[in-house]
């Protein structure tokens, strides 16, 4: 090995850290009264759980949320009744987007539209999730095969 080998430098740095006297390490530590136990935050499940399709009937409105682990890109469909008795469906993406409104329509048609849109979104999400897990499995097989060679 040459004298400028980065591995040598890394090993020397590690050795210098490990060779420090025990007193120096104690000086850096906080007194036990001030020390608080470190509790790591819980890890998310992998893959992230799906947000359930929620149906709400607040004030006569009917709404459902689309699937997915990220609220900022999750679809929401709301069937609402206008003052004239007709129904409209508002579709939003995330929590602060402007709705895209469809209508007027009957109450049954509005509920059917909300249910169909949510079902289509769930189907597309499941397809994408299966495609991604399939690719991950294929990548694992390639990595394992490369490690055996």
C-alpha atoms as a PDB file:
ATOM      1  CA  UNK A   1       0.000   0.000   0.000  1.00  0.00           C
ATOM      2  CA  UNK A   2       1.163   3.534  -0.650  1.00  0.00           C
ATOM      3  CA  UNK A   3       1.450   6.128   2.104  1.00  0.00           C
ATOM      4  CA  UNK A   4      -1.486   8.128   0.688  1.00  0.00           C
ATOM      5  CA  UNK A   5      -3.927   5.235   0.804  1.00  0.00           C
ATOM      6  CA  UNK A   6      -7.313   6.547   2.134  1.00  0.00           C
ATOM      7  CA  UNK A   7      -7.859   3.293   4.004  1.00  0.00           C
ATOM      8  CA  UNK A   8      -4.730   3.935   6.057  1.00  0.00           C
ATOM      9  CA  UNK A   9      -5.967   7.402   6.938  1.00  0.00           C
ATOM     10  CA  UNK A  10      -9.376   6.078   8.010  1.00  0.00           C
ATOM     11  CA  UNK A  11      -7.824   3.330  10.118  1.00  0.00           C
ATOM     12  CA  UNK A  12      -5.452   5.837  11.743  1.00  0.00           C
ATOM     13  CA  UNK A  13      -8.374   8.133  12.620  1.00  0.00           C
ATOM     14  CA  UNK A  14     -10.307   5.250  14.175  1.00  0.00           C
ATOM     15  CA  UNK A  15      -7.262   4.114  16.124  1.00  0.00           C
ATOM     16  CA  UNK A  16      -6.639   7.618  17.485  1.00  0.00           C
ATOM     17  CA  UNK A  17     -10.233   7.780  18.723  1.00  0.00           C
ATOM     18  CA  UNK A  18      -9.976   4.384  20.382  1.00  0.00           C
ATOM     19  CA  UNK A  19      -6.583   5.221  21.973  1.00  0.00           C
ATOM     20  CA  UNK A  20      -7.931   8.213  23.950  1.00  0.00           C
ATOM     21  CA  UNK A  21      -7.587   7.804  27.716  1.00  0.00           C
ATOM     22  CA  UNK A  22     -10.705   6.889  29.676  1.00  0.00           C
ATOM     23  CA  UNK A  23     -10.566  10.217  31.612  1.00  0.00           C
ATOM     24  CA  UNK A  24     -11.022  12.240  28.411  1.00  0.00           C
ATOM     25  CA  UNK A  25     -14.074  10.221  27.512  1.00  0.00           C
ATOM     26  CA  UNK A  26     -15.576  10.764  30.973  1.00  0.00           C
ATOM     27  CA  UNK A  27     -15.125  14.528  30.771  1.00  0.00           C
ATOM     28  CA  UNK A  28     -17.295  14.668  27.662  1.00  0.00           C
ATOM     29  CA  UNK A  29     -20.105  12.648  29.224  1.00  0.00           C
ATOM     30  CA  UNK A  30     -22.944  14.519  30.973  1.00  0.00           C
ATOM     31  CA  UNK A  31     -23.663  13.864  34.639  1.00  0.00           C
ATOM     32  CA  UNK A  32     -26.258  11.145  35.195  1.00  0.00           C
ATOM     33  CA  UNK A  33     -28.769  13.658  36.609  1.00  0.00           C
ATOM     34  CA  UNK A  34     -28.815  15.599  33.327  1.00  0.00           C
ATOM     35  CA  UNK A  35     -28.717  12.594  31.038  1.00  0.00           C
ATOM     36  CA  UNK A  36     -32.016  11.556  29.583  1.00  0.00           C
ATOM     37  CA  UNK A  37     -32.576   8.132  28.070  1.00  0.00           C
ATOM     38  CA  UNK A  38     -32.595   8.322  24.307  1.00  0.00           C
ATOM     39  CA  UNK A  39     -35.694   6.747  22.891  1.00  0.00           C
ATOM     40  CA  UNK A  40     -35.654   6.510  19.123  1.00  0.00           C
ATOM     41  CA  UNK A  41     -38.894   7.311  17.341  1.00  0.00           C
ATOM     42  CA  UNK A  42     -40.846   4.272  16.184  1.00  0.00           C
ATOM     43  CA  UNK A  43     -39.960   3.141  12.699  1.00  0.00           C
ATOM     44  CA  UNK A  44     -42.713   3.168  10.088  1.00  0.00           C
ATOM     45  CA  UNK A  45     -43.965  -0.167   8.845  1.00  0.00           C
ATOM     46  CA  UNK A  46     -42.611  -1.212   5.458  1.00  0.00           C
ATOM     47  CA  UNK A  47     -44.347  -0.973   3.167  1.00  0.00           C
ATOM     48  CA  UNK A  48     -46.303   1.886   4.728  1.00  0.00           C
ATOM     49  CA  UNK A  49     -49.867   0.951   5.595  1.00  0.00           C
ATOM     50  CA  UNK A  50     -52.550   2.111   3.228  1.00  0.00           C
ATOM     51  CA  UNK A  51     -54.781   4.899   4.334  1.00  0.00           C
ATOM     52  CA  UNK A  52     -58.238   3.411   4.508  1.00  0.00           C
ATOM     53  CA  UNK A  53     -60.925   4.694   2.208  1.00  0.00           C
ATOM     54  CA  UNK A  54     -63.024   6.715   4.566  1.00  0.00           C
ATOM     55  CA  UNK A  55     -66.636   7.546   3.952  1.00  0.00           C
ATOM     56  CA  UNK A  56     -67.965  10.553   5.761  1.00  0.00           C
ATOM     57  CA  UNK A  57     -71.470  11.940   5.830  1.00  0.00           C
ATOM     58  CA  UNK A  58     -70.803  15.205   7.652  1.00  0.00           C
ATOM     59  CA  UNK A  59     -73.731  17.558   7.145  1.00  0.00           C
ATOM     60  CA  UNK A  60     -75.160  15.522   4.292  1.00  0.00           C
ATOM     61  CA  UNK A  61     -71.854  15.440   2.369  1.00  0.00           C
ATOM     62  CA  UNK A  62     -70.403  12.088   1.347  1.00  0.00           C
ATOM     63  CA  UNK A  63     -66.622  11.849   0.979  1.00  0.00           C
ATOM     64  CA  UNK A  64     -63.851   9.309   0.572  1.00  0.00           C
ATOM     65  CA  UNK A  65     -60.072   9.478   0.713  1.00  0.00           C
ATOM     66  CA  UNK A  66     -57.862   7.742  -1.797  1.00  0.00           C
ATOM     67  CA  UNK A  67     -55.119   5.287  -0.842  1.00  0.00           C
ATOM     68  CA  UNK A  68     -51.507   6.069  -0.146  1.00  0.00           C
ATOM     69  CA  UNK A  69     -49.091   6.872   2.633  1.00  0.00           C
ATOM     70  CA  UNK A  70     -48.575  10.578   1.792  1.00  0.00           C
ATOM     71  CA  UNK A  71     -51.364  12.994   2.712  1.00  0.00           C
ATOM     72  CA  UNK A  72     -49.952  15.743   0.483  1.00  0.00           C
ATOM     73  CA  UNK A  73     -50.754  13.735  -2.658  1.00  0.00           C
ATOM     74  CA  UNK A  74     -53.812  11.823  -1.492  1.00  0.00           C
ATOM     75  CA  UNK A  75     -57.068  12.300  -3.417  1.00  0.00           C
ATOM     76  CA  UNK A  76     -60.321  13.212  -1.724  1.00  0.00           C
ATOM     77  CA  UNK A  77     -63.762  13.117  -3.304  1.00  0.00           C
ATOM     78  CA  UNK A  78     -66.718  14.883  -1.711  1.00  0.00           C
ATOM     79  CA  UNK A  79     -70.324  14.749  -2.913  1.00  0.00           C
ATOM     80  CA  UNK A  80     -72.124  17.818  -1.632  1.00  0.00           C
ATOM     81  CA  UNK A  81     -75.648  19.124  -1.951  1.00  0.00           C
ATOM     82  CA  UNK A  82     -76.127  22.623  -3.330  1.00  0.00           C
ATOM     83  CA  UNK A  83     -78.832  25.022  -2.135  1.00  0.00           C
ATOM     84  CA  UNK A  84     -81.005  24.145  -5.142  1.00  0.00           C
ATOM     85  CA  UNK A  85     -81.016  20.421  -4.231  1.00  0.00           C
ATOM     86  CA  UNK A  86     -78.569  19.310  -6.931  1.00  0.00           C
ATOM     87  CA  UNK A  87     -75.379  17.457  -6.069  1.00  0.00           C
ATOM     88  CA  UNK A  88     -71.785  18.216  -7.046  1.00  0.00           C
ATOM     89  CA  UNK A  89     -68.581  16.212  -6.586  1.00  0.00           C
ATOM     90  CA  UNK A  90     -65.420  18.047  -5.531  1.00  0.00           C
ATOM     91  CA  UNK A  91     -62.119  16.272  -6.188  1.00  0.00           C
ATOM     92  CA  UNK A  92     -58.974  17.523  -4.440  1.00  0.00           C
ATOM     93  CA  UNK A  93     -55.370  16.390  -4.277  1.00  0.00           C
ATOM     94  CA  UNK A  94     -53.694  16.943  -0.934  1.00  0.00           C
ATOM     95  CA  UNK A  95     -54.916  19.189   1.808  1.00  0.00           C
ATOM     96  CA  UNK A  96     -54.695  22.622   0.215  1.00  0.00           C
ATOM     97  CA  UNK A  97     -55.518  22.249  -3.481  1.00  0.00           C
ATOM     98  CA  UNK A  98     -58.430  23.877  -5.252  1.00  0.00           C
ATOM     99  CA  UNK A  99     -61.204  21.364  -5.975  1.00  0.00           C
ATOM    100  CA  UNK A 100     -62.170  20.213  -9.444  1.00  0.00           C
ATOM    101  CA  UNK A 101     -65.962  20.171  -9.431  1.00  0.00           C
ATOM    102  CA  UNK A 102     -68.262  17.905 -11.448  1.00  0.00           C
ATOM    103  CA  UNK A 103     -72.008  18.275 -11.646  1.00  0.00           C
ATOM    104  CA  UNK A 104     -74.838  18.949 -11.272  1.00  0.00           C
ATOM    105  CA  UNK A 105     -76.145  15.430 -10.796  1.00  0.00           C
ATOM    106  CA  UNK A 106     -78.504  13.390  -8.688  1.00  0.00           C
ATOM    107  CA  UNK A 107     -77.573  12.233  -5.188  1.00  0.00           C
ATOM    108  CA  UNK A 108     -77.190   8.620  -6.327  1.00  0.00           C
ATOM    109  CA  UNK A 109     -75.021   9.638  -9.285  1.00  0.00           C
ATOM    110  CA  UNK A 110     -72.778  11.734  -7.028  1.00  0.00           C
ATOM    111  CA  UNK A 111     -72.297   8.880  -4.531  1.00  0.00           C
ATOM    112  CA  UNK A 112     -71.660   6.431  -7.378  1.00  0.00           C
ATOM    113  CA  UNK A 113     -69.042   8.804  -8.855  1.00  0.00           C
ATOM    114  CA  UNK A 114     -67.232   9.132  -5.495  1.00  0.00           C
ATOM    115  CA  UNK A 115     -67.234   5.347  -5.035  1.00  0.00           C
ATOM    116  CA  UNK A 116     -66.023   4.699  -8.613  1.00  0.00           C
ATOM    117  CA  UNK A 117     -63.211   7.264  -8.414  1.00  0.00           C
ATOM    118  CA  UNK A 118     -62.022   5.898  -5.075  1.00  0.00           C
ATOM    119  CA  UNK A 119     -62.164   2.318  -6.398  1.00  0.00           C
ATOM    120  CA  UNK A 120     -60.184   3.239  -9.524  1.00  0.00           C
ATOM    121  CA  UNK A 121     -57.556   5.048  -7.446  1.00  0.00           C
ATOM    122  CA  UNK A 122     -57.225   2.093  -5.071  1.00  0.00           C
ATOM    123  CA  UNK A 123     -56.857  -0.294  -8.026  1.00  0.00           C
ATOM    124  CA  UNK A 124     -54.120   1.856  -9.635  1.00  0.00           C
ATOM    125  CA  UNK A 125     -52.342   2.220  -6.299  1.00  0.00           C
ATOM    126  CA  UNK A 126     -52.343  -1.544  -5.741  1.00  0.00           C
ATOM    127  CA  UNK A 127     -50.992  -2.122  -9.263  1.00  0.00           C
ATOM    128  CA  UNK A 128     -48.171   0.341  -8.659  1.00  0.00           C
ATOM    129  CA  UNK A 129     -47.394  -1.143  -5.250  1.00  0.00           C
ATOM    130  CA  UNK A 130     -47.220  -4.677  -6.678  1.00  0.00           C
ATOM    131  CA  UNK A 131     -45.008  -3.468  -9.522  1.00  0.00           C
ATOM    132  CA  UNK A 132     -42.660  -1.794  -7.064  1.00  0.00           C
ATOM    133  CA  UNK A 133     -42.459  -4.811  -4.750  1.00  0.00           C
ATOM    134  CA  UNK A 134     -41.853  -7.023  -7.778  1.00  0.00           C
ATOM    135  CA  UNK A 135     -38.964  -4.832  -8.881  1.00  0.00           C
ATOM    136  CA  UNK A 136     -37.542  -4.823  -5.359  1.00  0.00           C
ATOM    137  CA  UNK A 137     -37.695  -8.630  -5.261  1.00  0.00           C
ATOM    138  CA  UNK A 138     -35.992  -8.841  -8.654  1.00  0.00           C
ATOM    139  CA  UNK A 139     -33.260  -6.447  -7.499  1.00  0.00           C
ATOM    140  CA  UNK A 140     -32.699  -8.588  -4.395  1.00  0.00           C
ATOM    141  CA  UNK A 141     -32.277 -11.669  -6.573  1.00  0.00           C
ATOM    142  CA  UNK A 142     -29.761  -9.861  -8.769  1.00  0.00           C
ATOM    143  CA  UNK A 143     -27.800  -8.655  -5.716  1.00  0.00           C
ATOM    144  CA  UNK A 144     -27.780 -12.140  -4.180  1.00  0.00           C
ATOM    145  CA  UNK A 145     -26.695 -13.665  -7.474  1.00  0.00           C
ATOM    146  CA  UNK A 146     -23.875 -11.123  -7.841  1.00  0.00           C
ATOM    147  CA  UNK A 147     -22.669 -11.838  -4.307  1.00  0.00           C
ATOM    148  CA  UNK A 148     -22.290 -15.561  -5.009  1.00  0.00           C
ATOM    149  CA  UNK A 149     -20.146 -15.091  -8.114  1.00  0.00           C
END
